[in-house]
N, C-alpha and C. Protein backbone atom coordinates (compact mmCIF):
# COMPACT_ATOMS: atom_id res chain seq x y z
N UNK A 1 26.61 -77.03 -114.32
CA UNK A 1 27.41 -77.25 -113.13
C UNK A 1 26.58 -78.07 -112.14
N UNK A 2 27.24 -79.00 -111.49
CA UNK A 2 26.59 -79.80 -110.45
C UNK A 2 27.31 -79.57 -109.12
N UNK A 3 26.53 -79.42 -108.07
CA UNK A 3 27.07 -79.31 -106.72
C UNK A 3 26.55 -80.47 -105.90
N UNK A 4 27.47 -81.18 -105.26
CA UNK A 4 27.13 -82.31 -104.40
C UNK A 4 27.42 -81.90 -102.97
N UNK A 5 26.47 -82.10 -102.08
CA UNK A 5 26.70 -81.77 -100.67
C UNK A 5 26.05 -82.84 -99.80
N UNK A 6 26.58 -82.98 -98.60
CA UNK A 6 26.02 -83.94 -97.65
C UNK A 6 25.47 -83.18 -96.45
N UNK A 7 24.37 -83.68 -95.94
CA UNK A 7 23.68 -83.05 -94.82
C UNK A 7 23.23 -84.10 -93.83
N UNK A 8 22.99 -83.65 -92.60
CA UNK A 8 22.19 -84.45 -91.68
C UNK A 8 20.74 -84.25 -92.09
N UNK A 9 19.91 -85.21 -91.76
CA UNK A 9 18.50 -85.10 -92.12
C UNK A 9 17.79 -84.26 -91.05
N UNK A 10 17.76 -82.95 -91.26
CA UNK A 10 17.12 -82.06 -90.29
C UNK A 10 16.47 -80.89 -91.01
N UNK A 11 16.00 -79.92 -90.28
CA UNK A 11 15.25 -78.83 -90.87
C UNK A 11 16.14 -77.91 -91.72
N UNK A 12 17.45 -77.88 -91.46
CA UNK A 12 18.32 -77.02 -92.24
C UNK A 12 18.40 -77.48 -93.70
N UNK A 13 18.27 -78.76 -93.92
CA UNK A 13 18.22 -79.29 -95.29
C UNK A 13 16.99 -78.79 -96.01
N UNK A 14 15.86 -78.83 -95.34
CA UNK A 14 14.61 -78.35 -95.95
C UNK A 14 14.67 -76.86 -96.23
N UNK A 15 15.25 -76.11 -95.31
CA UNK A 15 15.37 -74.66 -95.50
C UNK A 15 16.31 -74.37 -96.67
N UNK A 16 17.40 -75.12 -96.78
CA UNK A 16 18.34 -74.93 -97.88
C UNK A 16 17.66 -75.20 -99.22
N UNK A 17 16.85 -76.26 -99.29
CA UNK A 17 16.15 -76.57 -100.53
C UNK A 17 15.16 -75.47 -100.89
N UNK A 18 14.43 -74.96 -99.90
CA UNK A 18 13.47 -73.88 -100.21
C UNK A 18 14.21 -72.60 -100.61
N UNK A 19 15.38 -72.32 -100.03
CA UNK A 19 16.14 -71.14 -100.44
C UNK A 19 16.71 -71.30 -101.85
N UNK A 20 17.07 -72.52 -102.21
CA UNK A 20 17.54 -72.77 -103.57
C UNK A 20 16.42 -72.53 -104.58
N UNK A 21 15.20 -72.93 -104.22
CA UNK A 21 14.06 -72.68 -105.10
C UNK A 21 13.77 -71.20 -105.21
N UNK A 22 14.02 -70.43 -104.14
CA UNK A 22 13.77 -68.98 -104.16
C UNK A 22 14.72 -68.25 -105.11
N UNK A 23 15.95 -68.78 -105.28
CA UNK A 23 16.88 -68.08 -106.17
C UNK A 23 16.76 -68.55 -107.62
N UNK A 24 15.78 -69.42 -107.89
CA UNK A 24 15.50 -69.79 -109.27
C UNK A 24 15.93 -71.18 -109.68
N UNK A 25 16.34 -72.01 -108.76
CA UNK A 25 16.68 -73.39 -109.10
C UNK A 25 15.37 -74.19 -109.12
N UNK A 26 15.11 -74.89 -110.23
CA UNK A 26 13.87 -75.64 -110.35
C UNK A 26 13.92 -76.91 -109.50
N UNK A 27 12.73 -77.39 -109.11
CA UNK A 27 12.65 -78.62 -108.31
C UNK A 27 13.24 -79.81 -109.05
N UNK A 28 13.14 -79.79 -110.37
CA UNK A 28 13.66 -80.90 -111.17
C UNK A 28 15.18 -80.97 -111.13
N UNK A 29 15.84 -79.88 -110.74
CA UNK A 29 17.30 -79.82 -110.71
C UNK A 29 17.87 -80.02 -109.31
N UNK A 30 17.01 -80.37 -108.35
CA UNK A 30 17.46 -80.61 -106.98
C UNK A 30 17.13 -82.06 -106.64
N UNK A 31 18.16 -82.82 -106.30
CA UNK A 31 17.99 -84.23 -105.96
C UNK A 31 18.47 -84.46 -104.54
N UNK A 32 17.64 -85.05 -103.72
CA UNK A 32 18.03 -85.40 -102.35
C UNK A 32 17.99 -86.92 -102.24
N UNK A 33 19.15 -87.51 -101.94
CA UNK A 33 19.27 -88.96 -101.89
C UNK A 33 19.63 -89.36 -100.46
N UNK A 34 18.77 -90.14 -99.78
CA UNK A 34 19.10 -90.57 -98.41
C UNK A 34 20.15 -91.68 -98.43
N UNK A 35 21.02 -91.67 -97.43
CA UNK A 35 22.07 -92.67 -97.30
C UNK A 35 21.68 -93.70 -96.25
N UNK A 36 22.14 -94.93 -96.44
CA UNK A 36 21.99 -95.97 -95.43
C UNK A 36 23.25 -95.97 -94.60
N UNK A 37 23.15 -95.63 -93.32
CA UNK A 37 24.32 -95.62 -92.44
C UNK A 37 24.57 -97.00 -91.88
N UNK A 38 25.82 -97.26 -91.55
CA UNK A 38 26.22 -98.56 -91.01
C UNK A 38 25.57 -98.77 -89.65
N UNK A 39 24.95 -99.93 -89.50
CA UNK A 39 24.31 -100.25 -88.24
C UNK A 39 25.00 -101.39 -87.51
N UNK A 40 25.83 -102.17 -88.21
CA UNK A 40 26.51 -103.27 -87.55
C UNK A 40 27.67 -102.75 -86.72
N UNK A 41 27.95 -103.44 -85.65
CA UNK A 41 29.02 -103.01 -84.77
C UNK A 41 30.37 -103.45 -85.33
N UNK A 42 31.42 -102.81 -84.84
CA UNK A 42 32.76 -103.13 -85.30
C UNK A 42 33.18 -104.49 -84.79
N UNK A 43 34.03 -105.14 -85.55
CA UNK A 43 34.55 -106.44 -85.15
C UNK A 43 35.72 -106.25 -84.20
N UNK A 44 35.81 -107.12 -83.20
CA UNK A 44 36.87 -106.99 -82.20
C UNK A 44 38.17 -107.63 -82.70
N UNK A 45 38.07 -108.81 -83.29
CA UNK A 45 39.27 -109.54 -83.68
C UNK A 45 39.67 -109.18 -85.11
N UNK A 46 40.97 -109.02 -85.33
CA UNK A 46 41.49 -108.70 -86.64
C UNK A 46 41.58 -109.94 -87.51
N UNK A 47 41.58 -109.71 -88.82
CA UNK A 47 41.77 -110.80 -89.76
C UNK A 47 43.05 -110.53 -90.55
N UNK A 48 43.34 -111.39 -91.47
CA UNK A 48 44.53 -111.22 -92.30
C UNK A 48 44.41 -109.99 -93.19
N UNK A 49 43.20 -109.65 -93.60
CA UNK A 49 42.99 -108.57 -94.56
C UNK A 49 42.52 -107.26 -93.92
N UNK A 50 42.20 -107.26 -92.64
CA UNK A 50 41.68 -106.06 -92.00
C UNK A 50 42.22 -105.98 -90.57
N UNK A 51 42.74 -104.81 -90.24
CA UNK A 51 43.21 -104.57 -88.89
C UNK A 51 42.80 -103.18 -88.46
N UNK A 52 42.33 -103.06 -87.22
CA UNK A 52 41.89 -101.76 -86.74
C UNK A 52 42.95 -101.04 -85.91
N UNK A 53 44.11 -101.65 -85.74
CA UNK A 53 45.20 -101.00 -85.01
C UNK A 53 45.13 -101.15 -83.51
N UNK A 54 44.19 -101.91 -83.00
CA UNK A 54 44.06 -102.12 -81.56
C UNK A 54 44.63 -103.49 -81.23
N UNK A 55 45.60 -103.53 -80.32
CA UNK A 55 46.20 -104.79 -79.92
C UNK A 55 45.49 -105.31 -78.68
N UNK A 56 45.13 -106.57 -78.71
CA UNK A 56 44.46 -107.17 -77.57
C UNK A 56 45.44 -107.80 -76.58
N UNK A 57 46.70 -107.96 -76.98
CA UNK A 57 47.65 -108.64 -76.10
C UNK A 57 48.67 -107.68 -75.49
N UNK A 58 48.46 -106.38 -75.62
CA UNK A 58 49.42 -105.44 -75.05
C UNK A 58 49.41 -105.42 -73.53
N UNK A 59 48.32 -105.80 -72.92
CA UNK A 59 48.27 -105.94 -71.46
C UNK A 59 48.52 -107.40 -71.07
N UNK A 60 48.10 -108.33 -71.93
CA UNK A 60 48.19 -109.76 -71.61
C UNK A 60 49.64 -110.23 -71.53
N UNK A 61 50.51 -109.80 -72.43
CA UNK A 61 51.89 -110.29 -72.43
C UNK A 61 52.68 -109.83 -71.20
N UNK A 62 52.64 -108.55 -70.80
CA UNK A 62 53.35 -108.18 -69.56
C UNK A 62 52.80 -108.87 -68.31
N UNK A 63 51.47 -109.04 -68.26
CA UNK A 63 50.90 -109.76 -67.12
C UNK A 63 51.32 -111.22 -67.12
N UNK A 64 51.39 -111.84 -68.30
CA UNK A 64 51.84 -113.22 -68.38
C UNK A 64 53.28 -113.34 -67.88
N UNK A 65 54.12 -112.40 -68.26
CA UNK A 65 55.52 -112.42 -67.81
C UNK A 65 55.62 -112.24 -66.30
N UNK A 66 54.89 -111.26 -65.79
CA UNK A 66 54.95 -110.98 -64.36
C UNK A 66 54.42 -112.18 -63.55
N UNK A 67 53.29 -112.73 -63.97
CA UNK A 67 52.74 -113.88 -63.25
C UNK A 67 53.66 -115.09 -63.35
N UNK A 68 54.32 -115.27 -64.50
CA UNK A 68 55.23 -116.41 -64.66
C UNK A 68 56.41 -116.29 -63.72
N UNK A 69 56.97 -115.08 -63.60
CA UNK A 69 58.11 -114.88 -62.70
C UNK A 69 57.70 -115.11 -61.25
N UNK A 70 56.57 -114.54 -60.86
CA UNK A 70 56.13 -114.67 -59.47
C UNK A 70 55.79 -116.11 -59.13
N UNK A 71 55.02 -116.78 -59.99
CA UNK A 71 54.62 -118.15 -59.66
C UNK A 71 55.77 -119.15 -59.79
N UNK A 72 56.73 -118.87 -60.67
CA UNK A 72 57.88 -119.80 -60.75
C UNK A 72 58.77 -119.64 -59.52
N UNK A 73 58.89 -118.43 -58.99
CA UNK A 73 59.69 -118.26 -57.78
C UNK A 73 58.99 -118.89 -56.57
N UNK A 74 57.67 -118.83 -56.55
CA UNK A 74 56.93 -119.50 -55.48
C UNK A 74 56.95 -121.02 -55.69
N UNK A 75 57.04 -121.45 -56.96
CA UNK A 75 57.01 -122.86 -57.30
C UNK A 75 58.17 -123.67 -56.75
N UNK A 76 59.25 -123.01 -56.35
CA UNK A 76 60.37 -123.74 -55.75
C UNK A 76 59.94 -124.43 -54.46
N UNK A 77 58.94 -123.87 -53.80
CA UNK A 77 58.50 -124.44 -52.53
C UNK A 77 57.26 -125.31 -52.68
N UNK A 78 56.64 -125.30 -53.87
CA UNK A 78 55.41 -126.07 -54.08
C UNK A 78 55.73 -127.43 -54.71
N UNK A 79 54.73 -128.29 -54.74
CA UNK A 79 54.92 -129.68 -55.13
C UNK A 79 55.35 -129.86 -56.59
N UNK A 80 54.75 -129.14 -57.54
CA UNK A 80 55.01 -129.38 -58.95
C UNK A 80 56.31 -128.74 -59.43
N UNK A 81 56.87 -127.85 -58.71
CA UNK A 81 58.13 -127.23 -59.09
C UNK A 81 57.95 -125.93 -59.85
N UNK A 82 59.05 -125.21 -60.10
CA UNK A 82 58.99 -123.88 -60.68
C UNK A 82 58.55 -123.85 -62.15
N UNK A 83 58.86 -124.89 -62.92
CA UNK A 83 58.52 -124.85 -64.36
C UNK A 83 57.01 -124.94 -64.55
N UNK A 84 56.38 -125.91 -63.92
CA UNK A 84 54.93 -126.03 -64.07
C UNK A 84 54.21 -124.81 -63.53
N UNK A 85 54.63 -124.34 -62.36
CA UNK A 85 53.97 -123.17 -61.78
C UNK A 85 54.25 -121.91 -62.59
N UNK A 86 55.40 -121.81 -63.21
CA UNK A 86 55.67 -120.68 -64.10
C UNK A 86 54.77 -120.69 -65.31
N UNK A 87 54.56 -121.89 -65.90
CA UNK A 87 53.64 -122.01 -67.04
C UNK A 87 52.20 -121.71 -66.63
N UNK A 88 51.81 -122.21 -65.47
CA UNK A 88 50.45 -121.92 -64.97
C UNK A 88 50.28 -120.42 -64.75
N UNK A 89 51.27 -119.78 -64.18
CA UNK A 89 51.20 -118.33 -63.95
C UNK A 89 51.17 -117.55 -65.26
N UNK A 90 51.97 -118.00 -66.25
CA UNK A 90 51.98 -117.30 -67.54
C UNK A 90 50.63 -117.40 -68.23
N UNK A 91 50.05 -118.60 -68.22
CA UNK A 91 48.74 -118.77 -68.86
C UNK A 91 47.67 -117.98 -68.10
N UNK A 92 47.70 -118.03 -66.80
CA UNK A 92 46.73 -117.27 -66.00
C UNK A 92 46.87 -115.77 -66.20
N UNK A 93 48.09 -115.27 -66.20
CA UNK A 93 48.32 -113.83 -66.42
C UNK A 93 47.88 -113.40 -67.81
N UNK A 94 48.16 -114.25 -68.81
CA UNK A 94 47.75 -113.93 -70.17
C UNK A 94 46.23 -113.84 -70.27
N UNK A 95 45.53 -114.80 -69.67
CA UNK A 95 44.06 -114.80 -69.72
C UNK A 95 43.49 -113.59 -69.00
N UNK A 96 44.05 -113.26 -67.84
CA UNK A 96 43.57 -112.08 -67.09
C UNK A 96 43.80 -110.81 -67.89
N UNK A 97 44.99 -110.66 -68.48
CA UNK A 97 45.29 -109.48 -69.29
C UNK A 97 44.41 -109.38 -70.51
N UNK A 98 44.14 -110.51 -71.15
CA UNK A 98 43.27 -110.52 -72.32
C UNK A 98 41.85 -110.12 -71.94
N UNK A 99 41.36 -110.62 -70.82
CA UNK A 99 40.01 -110.25 -70.38
C UNK A 99 39.92 -108.77 -70.03
N UNK A 100 40.96 -108.24 -69.40
CA UNK A 100 40.98 -106.81 -69.08
C UNK A 100 40.92 -105.98 -70.36
N UNK A 101 41.75 -106.35 -71.34
CA UNK A 101 41.79 -105.59 -72.59
C UNK A 101 40.48 -105.72 -73.37
N UNK A 102 39.89 -106.90 -73.40
CA UNK A 102 38.60 -107.06 -74.06
C UNK A 102 37.52 -106.19 -73.41
N UNK A 103 37.53 -106.14 -72.09
CA UNK A 103 36.58 -105.29 -71.37
C UNK A 103 36.79 -103.82 -71.74
N UNK A 104 38.04 -103.38 -71.79
CA UNK A 104 38.34 -101.98 -72.13
C UNK A 104 37.89 -101.67 -73.56
N UNK A 105 38.19 -102.57 -74.50
CA UNK A 105 37.81 -102.34 -75.90
C UNK A 105 36.30 -102.32 -76.07
N UNK A 106 35.61 -103.24 -75.43
CA UNK A 106 34.16 -103.26 -75.56
C UNK A 106 33.52 -102.01 -74.96
N UNK A 107 34.04 -101.53 -73.84
CA UNK A 107 33.49 -100.32 -73.23
C UNK A 107 33.78 -99.09 -74.08
N UNK A 108 34.98 -99.01 -74.67
CA UNK A 108 35.31 -97.85 -75.49
C UNK A 108 34.52 -97.86 -76.79
N UNK A 109 34.20 -99.04 -77.35
CA UNK A 109 33.37 -99.10 -78.56
C UNK A 109 31.97 -98.60 -78.29
N UNK A 110 31.43 -98.90 -77.11
CA UNK A 110 30.09 -98.40 -76.77
C UNK A 110 30.10 -96.89 -76.67
N UNK A 111 31.17 -96.32 -76.07
CA UNK A 111 31.26 -94.87 -75.96
C UNK A 111 31.41 -94.24 -77.34
N UNK A 112 32.21 -94.84 -78.22
CA UNK A 112 32.39 -94.30 -79.56
C UNK A 112 31.10 -94.33 -80.35
N UNK A 113 30.29 -95.36 -80.16
CA UNK A 113 29.02 -95.41 -80.87
C UNK A 113 28.08 -94.32 -80.38
N UNK A 114 28.16 -93.98 -79.10
CA UNK A 114 27.31 -92.92 -78.58
C UNK A 114 27.80 -91.55 -78.97
N UNK A 115 29.12 -91.38 -79.08
CA UNK A 115 29.70 -90.06 -79.33
C UNK A 115 30.21 -89.92 -80.76
N UNK A 116 29.59 -90.57 -81.70
CA UNK A 116 30.09 -90.54 -83.07
C UNK A 116 30.09 -89.13 -83.66
N UNK A 117 29.18 -88.32 -83.25
CA UNK A 117 29.12 -86.98 -83.81
C UNK A 117 28.18 -86.94 -85.00
N UNK A 118 28.49 -86.03 -85.92
CA UNK A 118 27.61 -85.81 -87.05
C UNK A 118 27.87 -86.85 -88.13
N UNK A 119 26.80 -87.37 -88.69
CA UNK A 119 26.88 -88.33 -89.78
C UNK A 119 26.14 -87.77 -90.99
N UNK A 120 26.69 -88.04 -92.16
CA UNK A 120 25.98 -87.69 -93.37
C UNK A 120 24.79 -88.61 -93.53
N UNK A 121 23.63 -88.04 -93.75
CA UNK A 121 22.43 -88.84 -93.91
C UNK A 121 21.78 -88.63 -95.27
N UNK A 122 22.08 -87.49 -95.91
CA UNK A 122 21.46 -87.16 -97.19
C UNK A 122 22.51 -86.54 -98.10
N UNK A 123 22.51 -86.96 -99.35
CA UNK A 123 23.32 -86.30 -100.38
C UNK A 123 22.38 -85.41 -101.17
N UNK A 124 22.73 -84.14 -101.30
CA UNK A 124 21.93 -83.19 -102.06
C UNK A 124 22.70 -82.85 -103.32
N UNK A 125 22.09 -83.10 -104.48
CA UNK A 125 22.71 -82.81 -105.77
C UNK A 125 21.92 -81.68 -106.41
N UNK A 126 22.62 -80.62 -106.76
CA UNK A 126 21.98 -79.44 -107.35
C UNK A 126 22.61 -79.18 -108.71
N UNK A 127 21.78 -79.13 -109.75
CA UNK A 127 22.24 -78.76 -111.08
C UNK A 127 21.84 -77.32 -111.33
N UNK A 128 22.83 -76.50 -111.75
CA UNK A 128 22.55 -75.09 -111.98
C UNK A 128 23.55 -74.54 -113.00
N UNK A 129 23.30 -73.30 -113.41
CA UNK A 129 24.25 -72.60 -114.27
C UNK A 129 25.46 -72.19 -113.45
N UNK A 130 26.58 -71.95 -114.15
CA UNK A 130 27.79 -71.53 -113.43
C UNK A 130 27.62 -70.15 -112.81
N UNK A 131 26.70 -69.35 -113.35
CA UNK A 131 26.47 -68.03 -112.78
C UNK A 131 25.83 -68.11 -111.39
N UNK A 132 25.02 -69.14 -111.16
CA UNK A 132 24.37 -69.31 -109.86
C UNK A 132 25.17 -70.20 -108.92
N UNK A 133 26.29 -70.74 -109.37
CA UNK A 133 27.07 -71.69 -108.60
C UNK A 133 27.54 -71.13 -107.26
N UNK A 134 28.04 -69.90 -107.27
CA UNK A 134 28.53 -69.30 -106.02
C UNK A 134 27.39 -69.08 -105.02
N UNK A 135 26.23 -68.65 -105.52
CA UNK A 135 25.09 -68.43 -104.63
C UNK A 135 24.59 -69.75 -104.04
N UNK A 136 24.55 -70.79 -104.86
CA UNK A 136 24.11 -72.11 -104.38
C UNK A 136 25.09 -72.62 -103.33
N UNK A 137 26.39 -72.47 -103.61
CA UNK A 137 27.41 -72.92 -102.65
C UNK A 137 27.28 -72.19 -101.33
N UNK A 138 27.06 -70.89 -101.39
CA UNK A 138 26.90 -70.09 -100.18
C UNK A 138 25.69 -70.55 -99.38
N UNK A 139 24.58 -70.81 -100.06
CA UNK A 139 23.37 -71.27 -99.37
C UNK A 139 23.61 -72.62 -98.68
N UNK A 140 24.28 -73.51 -99.38
CA UNK A 140 24.53 -74.83 -98.81
C UNK A 140 25.42 -74.74 -97.58
N UNK A 141 26.47 -73.95 -97.64
CA UNK A 141 27.35 -73.81 -96.47
C UNK A 141 26.64 -73.11 -95.31
N UNK A 142 25.79 -72.11 -95.62
CA UNK A 142 25.07 -71.41 -94.56
C UNK A 142 24.08 -72.31 -93.83
N UNK A 143 23.63 -73.36 -94.49
CA UNK A 143 22.66 -74.27 -93.89
C UNK A 143 23.32 -75.57 -93.43
N UNK A 144 24.57 -75.45 -93.03
CA UNK A 144 25.32 -76.51 -92.34
C UNK A 144 25.52 -77.77 -93.16
N UNK A 145 25.98 -77.60 -94.39
CA UNK A 145 26.38 -78.76 -95.18
C UNK A 145 27.62 -79.36 -94.53
N UNK A 146 27.70 -80.67 -94.48
CA UNK A 146 28.86 -81.33 -93.90
C UNK A 146 30.02 -81.40 -94.88
N UNK A 147 29.73 -81.41 -96.15
CA UNK A 147 30.74 -81.44 -97.19
C UNK A 147 30.15 -80.96 -98.49
N UNK A 148 31.02 -80.47 -99.42
CA UNK A 148 30.52 -79.93 -100.67
C UNK A 148 31.54 -80.18 -101.76
N UNK A 149 31.07 -80.52 -102.96
CA UNK A 149 31.94 -80.71 -104.12
C UNK A 149 31.26 -80.11 -105.34
N UNK A 150 32.09 -79.51 -106.24
CA UNK A 150 31.57 -78.90 -107.47
C UNK A 150 32.11 -79.66 -108.66
N UNK A 151 31.25 -79.87 -109.66
CA UNK A 151 31.65 -80.49 -110.90
C UNK A 151 31.17 -79.57 -112.02
N UNK A 152 32.11 -79.05 -112.80
CA UNK A 152 31.73 -78.18 -113.93
C UNK A 152 31.59 -79.06 -115.16
N UNK A 153 30.47 -78.90 -115.84
CA UNK A 153 30.23 -79.73 -117.02
C UNK A 153 30.41 -78.96 -118.32
């Protein structure tokens, strides 16, 4: 039987390994494999094949509409007329809304990177008899395993 579990790299992992050795699991049957965690930041703009579900124009479009209406109504009294001023207002409102949304997304990504929580850093693979499987599973859960899977061979 093989048990796969994930842990943070801390003292509880070391204690779990020493407790496994105390119940008769040999060192040769315990494998600890460190994981490489993602270090690159998330991409802001979506592509054709990947989307994160965050819209960048949800604030830009209403602001473009509002600015277009306001500037076109003011444009009746200005030199270029309502059409040009409406287009200028729409483009300006869109740019302002886009900048606001980009600022919000960038700030929330920084907070998410700080508050990610627990990450798996080590995979622990334990080979044992099925008779010791329950004891090994109990030890792993007691020492704060983040996840656990059993494979019976």
